[in-house]
């Protein structure tokens, strides 16, 4: 009969493996975001003899820090969504294969 059950298990486990990888990346991104939150620099860190330049440098740093924080937050969310999409794809693949197998049985018998 077409379709080997072992092949199907391998495909489904590949979806699971990929999903787990993306979940781990999401967790890692969340952890990195937590660490990066502590990378705040106060005004004296940018002192260079000119208060106006120090202020501009501080603002540039804050802007970049905010951007990186947003990117890490969004990456965590996206990675979680990819992981979930892979599980949905796995389930749909499994359902489709079961329906196909059922159709083959109806057509060809056991």
Foldseek 3Di string as FASTA:
>chain_A
DPDDPVVLVVVLVVLVVLLVVLLVVLVVLVVVLVVLVPVQDDLVVQDDPDSVRSVVVNVVVVVVSVVSSVVSVVSSVVSNVSSVVSNVVSVVVVVVVVVVVVVCCVVPND
